[in-house]
Each structure stands twice: as structure tokens, then as C-alpha cells.
Amino acid sequence: MENRIISWDKMALNQFGVAIEYIAKNSVQNAEKVRLDIIKKIESLPSNPEMFPLDKYKLSNDGFFRAFELHRLRIAYYIEPHRVRILRIRHTSREPKEF
């Protein structure tokens, strides 16, 4: 279905902001590159949401929980009929949480 929209859970939006702010402490340019690269990747999801593998940390995954890693950040999302929900963004060095 091509007309999916992207929606962000509040937690994911907060996690993304915190991650970008952290990177910006060392380099505003790097923070902006990471931010833009991740947003570009997320914006490609509605047309091909199955492009990334199943989320290996999701317990009893029904096949709609997916995840990808970019710039050492792990982005987890859920595919719904009319939207792709961004669920969480975590640094890859952090202990993964199963959910």
C-alpha cells in the first residue's frame, strides 16, 4: 500500500532528539548529517516498509515489527495498513530491550 503515512511515537521522537543533541555536543555538522540521513531513510519506508529485516528484539514478532541501524542508531518501527509507526531509537552500544 503506497499511501501510508509516517507517525512517530512520543518516546521515539524524544529518543531521536536526545541522540541528535548528544552528537551535536561534539559536532553540529555531524548531528545534522545523522539527523538528515535517518529522516531520509525513514521517509523511504511508506513505499517499501518491508525493506528492512524483522526486529530481532521483538518478542513474538508478527512480521510487522522491523528495524534498521544507521550511524550507530537502531530505529524500530511497526507496519500498519495505513501508516508506519516509528517506535524507538536507541544507540547500538546500549543494551537492547526486548519488547
Protein backbone atom coordinates (compact mmCIF):
# COMPACT_ATOMS: atom_id res chain seq x y z
CA MET A 1 0.00 0.00 0.00
CA GLU A 2 1.67 3.19 -1.20
CA ASN A 3 -0.36 5.78 0.67
CA ARG A 4 0.99 5.00 4.13
CA ILE A 5 1.98 7.90 6.34
CA ILE A 6 4.79 8.03 8.88
CA SER A 7 3.94 8.61 12.52
CA TRP A 8 6.31 8.90 15.44
CA ASP A 9 5.55 7.61 18.91
CA LYS A 10 6.37 10.29 21.50
CA MET A 11 9.09 8.10 23.01
CA ALA A 12 10.83 7.67 19.63
CA LEU A 13 10.68 11.37 18.88
CA ASN A 14 12.17 12.14 22.29
CA GLN A 15 14.90 9.50 21.86
CA PHE A 16 15.79 10.91 18.43
CA GLY A 17 16.05 14.44 19.81
CA VAL A 18 18.26 13.31 22.70
CA ALA A 19 20.54 11.38 20.34
CA ILE A 20 20.93 14.33 17.97
CA GLU A 21 21.59 16.73 20.86
CA TYR A 22 24.25 14.38 22.20
CA ILE A 23 26.02 14.20 18.82
CA ALA A 24 25.77 17.99 18.47
CA LYS A 25 27.82 18.45 21.66
CA ASN A 26 30.82 17.25 19.66
CA SER A 27 29.83 18.36 16.17
CA VAL A 28 26.79 20.27 14.98
CA GLN A 29 27.63 19.26 11.41
CA ASN A 30 27.73 15.55 12.28
CA ALA A 31 24.48 15.85 14.21
CA GLU A 32 22.79 17.43 11.21
CA LYS A 33 24.16 14.75 8.86
CA VAL A 34 22.91 11.95 11.13
CA ARG A 35 19.52 13.64 11.51
CA LEU A 36 19.07 14.09 7.76
CA ASP A 37 20.32 10.59 6.88
CA ILE A 38 17.91 8.96 9.33
CA ILE A 39 14.96 11.09 8.26
CA LYS A 40 15.69 10.27 4.61
CA LYS A 41 15.73 6.55 5.39
CA ILE A 42 12.50 6.80 7.41
CA GLU A 43 10.82 8.76 4.62
CA SER A 44 11.52 5.86 2.24
CA LEU A 45 9.58 3.41 4.44
CA PRO A 46 5.98 4.10 3.28
CA SER A 47 6.70 2.89 -0.25
CA ASN A 48 8.66 -0.21 0.86
CA PRO A 49 8.22 -0.87 4.59
CA GLU A 50 9.46 -4.47 4.33
CA MET A 51 12.88 -3.29 3.08
CA PHE A 52 14.48 -3.94 6.48
CA PRO A 53 14.62 -7.20 8.46
CA LEU A 54 12.33 -8.27 11.24
CA ASP A 55 13.13 -6.72 14.62
CA LYS A 56 15.13 -9.46 16.33
CA TYR A 57 14.44 -7.98 19.77
CA LYS A 58 10.66 -8.02 19.43
CA LEU A 59 9.17 -10.94 21.32
CA SER A 60 6.51 -12.81 19.32
CA ASN A 61 7.02 -10.64 16.25
CA ASP A 62 4.01 -10.88 13.94
CA GLY A 63 6.18 -9.88 10.97
CA PHE A 64 5.25 -6.22 11.13
CA PHE A 65 7.91 -5.12 13.63
CA ARG A 66 11.04 -4.15 11.69
CA ALA A 67 14.31 -2.36 12.47
CA PHE A 68 17.41 -0.91 10.84
CA GLU A 69 20.66 0.60 12.03
CA LEU A 70 22.24 3.77 10.72
CA HIS A 71 25.04 5.85 12.28
CA ARG A 72 25.07 3.52 15.29
CA LEU A 73 21.41 4.25 15.98
CA ARG A 74 18.81 1.48 15.82
CA ILE A 75 15.39 2.52 14.55
CA ALA A 76 12.48 0.18 15.30
CA TYR A 77 9.15 0.60 13.52
CA TYR A 78 5.81 -1.11 13.03
CA ILE A 79 4.00 -1.53 9.71
CA GLU A 80 0.25 -0.85 9.77
CA PRO A 81 -2.16 -0.82 6.81
CA HIS A 82 -2.16 2.97 6.50
CA ARG A 83 0.93 4.07 8.37
CA VAL A 84 4.44 3.21 9.50
CA ARG A 85 4.94 3.92 13.21
CA ILE A 86 8.43 4.82 14.42
CA LEU A 87 8.56 3.13 17.83
CA ARG A 88 12.01 3.71 19.27
CA ILE A 89 15.50 4.94 18.51
CA ARG A 90 18.39 3.61 20.57
CA HIS A 91 22.15 3.79 20.31
CA THR A 92 23.50 0.42 19.22
CA SER A 93 26.01 0.30 22.11
CA ARG A 94 23.15 0.32 24.63
CA GLU A 95 21.81 -2.94 25.94
CA PRO A 96 18.84 -3.83 23.73
CA LYS A 97 15.48 -4.11 25.40
CA GLU A 98 13.14 -6.82 24.29
CA PHE A 99 9.55 -5.63 23.99
